[in-house]
Amino acid sequence: MRASRVATRELRIPWREAVYWCVDLETTGLDPRRARILAVAAVPVRGGVVCCGELFSTRVRPGRGAVWGGAEAHHLVPQDVEGSPPVEEVLAQLDRRLREGVLVVHASQVDVPLLRRVYRECGRAWPAVPVVDTVRLLHRLEQRVRWLTGGGVPVDLERARVYLGLPGYPRHDAAHDAVATAELFVALAVRLGARTVEDLVRWGGVG
């Protein structure tokens, strides 16, 4: 799974043989066309295990002209990030991780288009790897649950973790959210009975 483009045959390997990088961003807003990144975290899943010892986490200096927002959630203010590395430097570190396997996010509608925009602005090619959204995997699980019991499945990260019996965690911190997403991803892969990477991409893939 180290190639920048994942071939069909690689999608057909057992899902535990692939590497997944679970990523979370803290940003100045929820509009991916304008928001700036304030913090990034990424943690890998290898062999079906969340490898917290490889956690990559850093705050990001957003640069001039940033319109600040979201502090009520992430509690970051300009002084917290003024000494942090610029996004170009952080992206270089994130990019080599993403190209190792599958990108996993929770609620892709902000983070993925924002990352794609930042890649363009930094003159980098977007890594041609599969993207899996744990919200979409939760929707897949809900389809099964509703058919069997008529019940629903929450998609909020915290409530979804509780639903699946995972412990609570501090919210709106990139490192905690990345690990929380990774644990949720593994739990969903097991609960859904995934056999291959292709299963997870088919159920939770983002175009």
C-alpha atoms as a PDB file:
ATOM      1  CA  MET A   1       0.000   0.000   0.000  1.00  0.00           C
ATOM      2  CA  ARG A   2       3.011   2.338  -0.226  1.00  0.00           C
ATOM      3  CA  ALA A   3       2.493   3.384  -3.827  1.00  0.00           C
ATOM      4  CA  SER A   4       0.874   6.747  -4.496  1.00  0.00           C
ATOM      5  CA  ARG A   5      -1.831   5.045  -6.591  1.00  0.00           C
ATOM      6  CA  VAL A   6      -3.583   2.045  -5.100  1.00  0.00           C
ATOM      7  CA  ALA A   7      -4.182  -0.653  -7.712  1.00  0.00           C
ATOM      8  CA  THR A   8      -7.352  -2.723  -7.794  1.00  0.00           C
ATOM      9  CA  ARG A   9      -5.450  -5.820  -6.696  1.00  0.00           C
ATOM     10  CA  GLU A  10      -4.229  -3.959  -3.603  1.00  0.00           C
ATOM     11  CA  LEU A  11      -7.814  -3.109  -2.695  1.00  0.00           C
ATOM     12  CA  ARG A  12      -8.546  -6.814  -2.619  1.00  0.00           C
ATOM     13  CA  ILE A  13      -6.060  -7.638   0.116  1.00  0.00           C
ATOM     14  CA  PRO A  14      -7.385  -8.410   3.632  1.00  0.00           C
ATOM     15  CA  TRP A  15      -8.205  -5.105   5.291  1.00  0.00           C
ATOM     16  CA  ARG A  16      -5.808  -5.714   8.189  1.00  0.00           C
ATOM     17  CA  GLU A  17      -2.868  -5.946   5.766  1.00  0.00           C
ATOM     18  CA  ALA A  18      -3.307  -2.321   4.651  1.00  0.00           C
ATOM     19  CA  VAL A  19      -2.133   0.823   6.404  1.00  0.00           C
ATOM     20  CA  TYR A  20      -4.678   3.512   7.242  1.00  0.00           C
ATOM     21  CA  TRP A  21      -3.815   7.046   8.310  1.00  0.00           C
ATOM     22  CA  CYS A  22      -6.611   8.558  10.388  1.00  0.00           C
ATOM     23  CA  VAL A  23      -6.509  12.347  10.174  1.00  0.00           C
ATOM     24  CA  ASP A  24      -8.206  15.197  11.991  1.00  0.00           C
ATOM     25  CA  LEU A  25      -7.969  18.952  11.439  1.00  0.00           C
ATOM     26  CA  GLU A  26      -8.817  21.926  13.626  1.00  0.00           C
ATOM     27  CA  THR A  27      -9.635  24.937  11.466  1.00  0.00           C
ATOM     28  CA  THR A  28     -10.695  28.568  11.504  1.00  0.00           C
ATOM     29  CA  GLY A  29     -14.114  27.638  10.127  1.00  0.00           C
ATOM     30  CA  LEU A  30     -16.242  25.049   8.370  1.00  0.00           C
ATOM     31  CA  ASP A  31     -16.101  26.468   4.831  1.00  0.00           C
ATOM     32  CA  PRO A  32     -13.380  24.449   3.053  1.00  0.00           C
ATOM     33  CA  ARG A  33     -13.039  27.192   0.427  1.00  0.00           C
ATOM     34  CA  ARG A  34     -11.830  29.728   2.992  1.00  0.00           C
ATOM     35  CA  ALA A  35     -10.878  28.028   6.251  1.00  0.00           C
ATOM     36  CA  ARG A  36      -7.276  27.811   7.421  1.00  0.00           C
ATOM     37  CA  ILE A  37      -5.761  24.853   9.235  1.00  0.00           C
ATOM     38  CA  LEU A  38      -4.779  25.479  12.865  1.00  0.00           C
ATOM     39  CA  ALA A  39      -3.874  21.944  13.933  1.00  0.00           C
ATOM     40  CA  VAL A  40      -3.300  18.574  12.271  1.00  0.00           C
ATOM     41  CA  ALA A  41      -3.061  15.101  13.726  1.00  0.00           C
ATOM     42  CA  ALA A  42      -2.647  11.728  12.069  1.00  0.00           C
ATOM     43  CA  VAL A  43      -2.319   8.256  13.548  1.00  0.00           C
ATOM     44  CA  PRO A  44      -1.865   4.981  11.663  1.00  0.00           C
ATOM     45  CA  VAL A  45      -3.743   1.711  11.899  1.00  0.00           C
ATOM     46  CA  ARG A  46      -1.422  -1.205  11.120  1.00  0.00           C
ATOM     47  CA  GLY A  47      -2.487  -4.814  11.277  1.00  0.00           C
ATOM     48  CA  GLY A  48      -5.872  -3.658  12.547  1.00  0.00           C
ATOM     49  CA  VAL A  49      -4.237  -1.944  15.541  1.00  0.00           C
ATOM     50  CA  VAL A  50      -4.146   1.792  16.306  1.00  0.00           C
ATOM     51  CA  CYS A  51      -0.448   2.724  16.641  1.00  0.00           C
ATOM     52  CA  CYS A  52      -0.519   5.662  19.060  1.00  0.00           C
ATOM     53  CA  GLY A  53       3.276   5.609  19.270  1.00  0.00           C
ATOM     54  CA  GLU A  54       3.358   6.918  15.673  1.00  0.00           C
ATOM     55  CA  LEU A  55       0.931   9.772  16.313  1.00  0.00           C
ATOM     56  CA  PHE A  56       1.829  12.900  14.333  1.00  0.00           C
ATOM     57  CA  SER A  57       0.342  16.046  15.841  1.00  0.00           C
ATOM     58  CA  THR A  58       1.164  19.707  15.415  1.00  0.00           C
ATOM     59  CA  ARG A  59      -0.377  23.132  15.494  1.00  0.00           C
ATOM     60  CA  VAL A  60      -0.136  25.187  12.321  1.00  0.00           C
ATOM     61  CA  ARG A  61       0.530  28.871  11.739  1.00  0.00           C
ATOM     62  CA  PRO A  62      -2.313  29.897   9.393  1.00  0.00           C
ATOM     63  CA  GLY A  63      -0.539  32.886   7.842  1.00  0.00           C
ATOM     64  CA  ARG A  64      -1.694  36.401   7.172  1.00  0.00           C
ATOM     65  CA  GLY A  65      -5.292  37.235   6.456  1.00  0.00           C
ATOM     66  CA  ALA A  66      -6.794  34.374   8.423  1.00  0.00           C
ATOM     67  CA  VAL A  67     -10.343  35.112   9.560  1.00  0.00           C
ATOM     68  CA  TRP A  68     -10.465  33.493  12.979  1.00  0.00           C
ATOM     69  CA  GLY A  69     -13.333  31.288  14.026  1.00  0.00           C
ATOM     70  CA  GLY A  70     -14.152  28.061  15.807  1.00  0.00           C
ATOM     71  CA  ALA A  71     -12.399  29.016  19.047  1.00  0.00           C
ATOM     72  CA  GLU A  72     -15.487  28.031  21.031  1.00  0.00           C
ATOM     73  CA  ALA A  73     -14.860  24.455  19.859  1.00  0.00           C
ATOM     74  CA  HIS A  74     -11.086  24.027  19.602  1.00  0.00           C
ATOM     75  CA  HIS A  75     -10.134  26.791  22.116  1.00  0.00           C
ATOM     76  CA  LEU A  76      -7.242  27.945  19.936  1.00  0.00           C
ATOM     77  CA  VAL A  77      -6.504  31.661  19.682  1.00  0.00           C
ATOM     78  CA  PRO A  78      -3.883  33.395  17.492  1.00  0.00           C
ATOM     79  CA  GLN A  79      -1.285  33.435  20.277  1.00  0.00           C
ATOM     80  CA  ASP A  80      -1.489  29.651  20.542  1.00  0.00           C
ATOM     81  CA  VAL A  81      -0.232  29.066  17.001  1.00  0.00           C
ATOM     82  CA  GLU A  82       2.002  32.054  16.234  1.00  0.00           C
ATOM     83  CA  GLY A  83       5.185  30.048  16.867  1.00  0.00           C
ATOM     84  CA  SER A  84       3.974  26.956  15.003  1.00  0.00           C
ATOM     85  CA  PRO A  85       5.308  25.755  11.626  1.00  0.00           C
ATOM     86  CA  PRO A  86       3.620  27.044   8.446  1.00  0.00           C
ATOM     87  CA  VAL A  87       1.171  24.873   6.550  1.00  0.00           C
ATOM     88  CA  GLU A  88       3.691  24.148   3.759  1.00  0.00           C
ATOM     89  CA  GLU A  89       6.069  22.535   6.252  1.00  0.00           C
ATOM     90  CA  VAL A  90       3.329  20.576   7.984  1.00  0.00           C
ATOM     91  CA  LEU A  91       1.869  19.379   4.694  1.00  0.00           C
ATOM     92  CA  ALA A  92       5.204  17.896   3.657  1.00  0.00           C
ATOM     93  CA  GLN A  93       5.221  15.769   6.821  1.00  0.00           C
ATOM     94  CA  LEU A  94       1.593  14.774   6.426  1.00  0.00           C
ATOM     95  CA  ASP A  95       1.955  13.935   2.733  1.00  0.00           C
ATOM     96  CA  ARG A  96       4.561  11.207   3.183  1.00  0.00           C
ATOM     97  CA  ARG A  97       2.253   9.535   5.678  1.00  0.00           C
ATOM     98  CA  LEU A  98      -0.858   9.728   3.523  1.00  0.00           C
ATOM     99  CA  ARG A  99       0.915   8.132   0.566  1.00  0.00           C
ATOM    100  CA  GLU A 100       1.522   5.000   2.613  1.00  0.00           C
ATOM    101  CA  GLY A 101      -2.035   3.721   2.413  1.00  0.00           C
ATOM    102  CA  VAL A 102      -5.668   4.709   2.952  1.00  0.00           C
ATOM    103  CA  LEU A 103      -6.790   8.087   4.328  1.00  0.00           C
ATOM    104  CA  VAL A 104      -9.515   7.839   6.989  1.00  0.00           C
ATOM    105  CA  VAL A 105     -11.504  10.827   8.281  1.00  0.00           C
ATOM    106  CA  HIS A 106     -14.691  11.376  10.264  1.00  0.00           C
ATOM    107  CA  ALA A 107     -17.148  13.627   8.376  1.00  0.00           C
ATOM    108  CA  SER A 108     -15.222  14.235   5.154  1.00  0.00           C
ATOM    109  CA  GLN A 109     -17.209  17.225   3.860  1.00  0.00           C
ATOM    110  CA  VAL A 110     -14.842  19.757   5.457  1.00  0.00           C
ATOM    111  CA  ASP A 111     -11.478  18.076   5.960  1.00  0.00           C
ATOM    112  CA  VAL A 112     -11.058  16.431   2.545  1.00  0.00           C
ATOM    113  CA  PRO A 113     -11.908  19.431   0.309  1.00  0.00           C
ATOM    114  CA  LEU A 114      -9.892  21.676   2.622  1.00  0.00           C
ATOM    115  CA  LEU A 115      -6.858  19.394   2.371  1.00  0.00           C
ATOM    116  CA  ARG A 116      -7.265  19.222  -1.405  1.00  0.00           C
ATOM    117  CA  ARG A 117      -7.335  23.038  -1.576  1.00  0.00           C
ATOM    118  CA  VAL A 118      -4.244  23.356   0.611  1.00  0.00           C
ATOM    119  CA  TYR A 119      -2.414  20.813  -1.544  1.00  0.00           C
ATOM    120  CA  ARG A 120      -3.190  22.941  -4.620  1.00  0.00           C
ATOM    121  CA  GLU A 121      -2.117  26.153  -2.909  1.00  0.00           C
ATOM    122  CA  CYS A 122       1.162  24.535  -1.861  1.00  0.00           C
ATOM    123  CA  GLY A 123       1.791  23.217  -5.371  1.00  0.00           C
ATOM    124  CA  ARG A 124       1.552  19.571  -4.371  1.00  0.00           C
ATOM    125  CA  ALA A 125      -0.238  16.754  -6.163  1.00  0.00           C
ATOM    126  CA  TRP A 126      -3.052  15.220  -4.150  1.00  0.00           C
ATOM    127  CA  PRO A 127      -2.065  11.646  -3.141  1.00  0.00           C
ATOM    128  CA  ALA A 128      -4.036   9.162  -5.228  1.00  0.00           C
ATOM    129  CA  VAL A 129      -5.076   6.979  -2.314  1.00  0.00           C
ATOM    130  CA  PRO A 130      -8.533   5.801  -1.234  1.00  0.00           C
ATOM    131  CA  VAL A 131     -10.403   7.971   1.258  1.00  0.00           C
ATOM    132  CA  VAL A 132     -12.782   6.366   3.756  1.00  0.00           C
ATOM    133  CA  ASP A 133     -15.243   8.354   5.874  1.00  0.00           C
ATOM    134  CA  THR A 134     -16.276   6.741   9.158  1.00  0.00           C
ATOM    135  CA  VAL A 135     -19.614   8.594   8.945  1.00  0.00           C
ATOM    136  CA  ARG A 136     -20.378   6.655   5.767  1.00  0.00           C
ATOM    137  CA  LEU A 137     -19.407   3.433   7.509  1.00  0.00           C
ATOM    138  CA  LEU A 138     -21.838   4.364  10.294  1.00  0.00           C
ATOM    139  CA  HIS A 139     -24.563   4.859   7.678  1.00  0.00           C
ATOM    140  CA  ARG A 140     -23.767   1.389   6.364  1.00  0.00           C
ATOM    141  CA  LEU A 141     -24.093  -0.011   9.868  1.00  0.00           C
ATOM    142  CA  GLU A 142     -27.396   1.815  10.321  1.00  0.00           C
ATOM    143  CA  GLN A 143     -28.795   0.158   7.190  1.00  0.00           C
ATOM    144  CA  ARG A 144     -28.152  -3.192   8.796  1.00  0.00           C
ATOM    145  CA  VAL A 145     -29.412  -2.193  12.238  1.00  0.00           C
ATOM    146  CA  ARG A 146     -32.645  -0.699  10.904  1.00  0.00           C
ATOM    147  CA  TRP A 147     -33.324  -3.845   8.886  1.00  0.00           C
ATOM    148  CA  LEU A 148     -32.795  -6.033  11.961  1.00  0.00           C
ATOM    149  CA  THR A 149     -34.139  -3.926  14.838  1.00  0.00           C
ATOM    150  CA  GLY A 150     -35.549  -0.680  13.449  1.00  0.00           C
ATOM    151  CA  GLY A 151     -33.082   1.351  15.536  1.00  0.00           C
ATOM    152  CA  GLY A 152     -30.737   4.117  14.419  1.00  0.00           C
ATOM    153  CA  VAL A 153     -26.986   4.671  14.669  1.00  0.00           C
ATOM    154  CA  PRO A 154     -25.547   8.060  15.760  1.00  0.00           C
ATOM    155  CA  VAL A 155     -22.937   9.649  13.480  1.00  0.00           C
ATOM    156  CA  ASP A 156     -21.514  12.217  15.908  1.00  0.00           C
ATOM    157  CA  LEU A 157     -18.020  10.974  16.789  1.00  0.00           C
ATOM    158  CA  GLU A 158     -18.533  10.956  20.540  1.00  0.00           C
ATOM    159  CA  ARG A 159     -21.998   9.376  20.469  1.00  0.00           C
ATOM    160  CA  ALA A 160     -20.958   6.835  17.830  1.00  0.00           C
ATOM    161  CA  ARG A 161     -18.109   5.725  20.087  1.00  0.00           C
ATOM    162  CA  VAL A 162     -20.497   5.307  23.007  1.00  0.00           C
ATOM    163  CA  TYR A 163     -22.869   3.327  20.760  1.00  0.00           C
ATOM    164  CA  LEU A 164     -20.043   0.922  19.884  1.00  0.00           C
ATOM    165  CA  GLY A 165     -18.843   0.611  23.484  1.00  0.00           C
ATOM    166  CA  LEU A 166     -15.700   2.722  23.111  1.00  0.00           C
ATOM    167  CA  PRO A 167     -14.533   4.944  26.000  1.00  0.00           C
ATOM    168  CA  GLY A 168     -15.036   8.691  26.164  1.00  0.00           C
ATOM    169  CA  TYR A 169     -12.310  11.128  25.134  1.00  0.00           C
ATOM    170  CA  PRO A 170     -11.557  14.911  25.184  1.00  0.00           C
ATOM    171  CA  ARG A 171     -13.293  16.523  22.196  1.00  0.00           C
ATOM    172  CA  HIS A 172     -12.110  19.109  19.646  1.00  0.00           C
ATOM    173  CA  ASP A 173      -8.413  18.394  19.982  1.00  0.00           C
ATOM    174  CA  ALA A 174      -6.794  17.169  16.770  1.00  0.00           C
ATOM    175  CA  ALA A 175      -4.702  14.443  18.427  1.00  0.00           C
ATOM    176  CA  HIS A 176      -7.577  13.091  20.511  1.00  0.00           C
ATOM    177  CA  ASP A 177      -9.973  13.238  17.561  1.00  0.00           C
ATOM    178  CA  ALA A 178      -7.551  11.415  15.252  1.00  0.00           C
ATOM    179  CA  VAL A 179      -7.106   8.584  17.751  1.00  0.00           C
ATOM    180  CA  ALA A 180     -10.851   8.519  18.436  1.00  0.00           C
ATOM    181  CA  THR A 181     -11.508   8.230  14.702  1.00  0.00           C
ATOM    182  CA  ALA A 182      -8.938   5.447  14.357  1.00  0.00           C
ATOM    183  CA  GLU A 183     -10.510   3.433  17.164  1.00  0.00           C
ATOM    184  CA  LEU A 184     -13.963   3.985  15.685  1.00  0.00           C
ATOM    185  CA  PHE A 185     -12.728   2.887  12.267  1.00  0.00           C
ATOM    186  CA  VAL A 186     -11.334  -0.394  13.602  1.00  0.00           C
ATOM    187  CA  ALA A 187     -14.523  -1.069  15.576  1.00  0.00           C
ATOM    188  CA  LEU A 188     -16.645  -0.441  12.480  1.00  0.00           C
ATOM    189  CA  ALA A 189     -14.473  -2.615  10.245  1.00  0.00           C
ATOM    190  CA  VAL A 190     -14.948  -5.472  12.699  1.00  0.00           C
ATOM    191  CA  ARG A 191     -18.662  -4.830  13.327  1.00  0.00           C
ATOM    192  CA  LEU A 192     -19.405  -4.622   9.590  1.00  0.00           C
ATOM    193  CA  GLY A 193     -17.478  -7.803   8.905  1.00  0.00           C
ATOM    194  CA  ALA A 194     -15.078  -6.249   6.395  1.00  0.00           C
ATOM    195  CA  ARG A 195     -12.862  -8.737   4.648  1.00  0.00           C
ATOM    196  CA  THR A 196     -10.897  -6.560   2.237  1.00  0.00           C
ATOM    197  CA  VAL A 197      -9.853  -2.942   1.767  1.00  0.00           C
ATOM    198  CA  GLU A 198     -12.288  -2.906  -1.117  1.00  0.00           C
ATOM    199  CA  ASP A 199     -15.176  -3.594   1.282  1.00  0.00           C
ATOM    200  CA  LEU A 200     -14.317  -0.543   3.372  1.00  0.00           C
ATOM    201  CA  VAL A 201     -13.855   1.667   0.308  1.00  0.00           C
ATOM    202  CA  ARG A 202     -17.145   0.493  -1.170  1.00  0.00           C
ATOM    203  CA  TRP A 203     -19.053   1.178   2.059  1.00  0.00           C
ATOM    204  CA  GLY A 204     -17.291   4.336   3.218  1.00  0.00           C
ATOM    205  CA  GLY A 205     -15.352   5.656   0.229  1.00  0.00           C
ATOM    206  CA  VAL A 206     -15.201   9.334  -0.717  1.00  0.00           C
ATOM    207  CA  GLY A 207     -14.754  10.291  -4.370  1.00  0.00           C
END
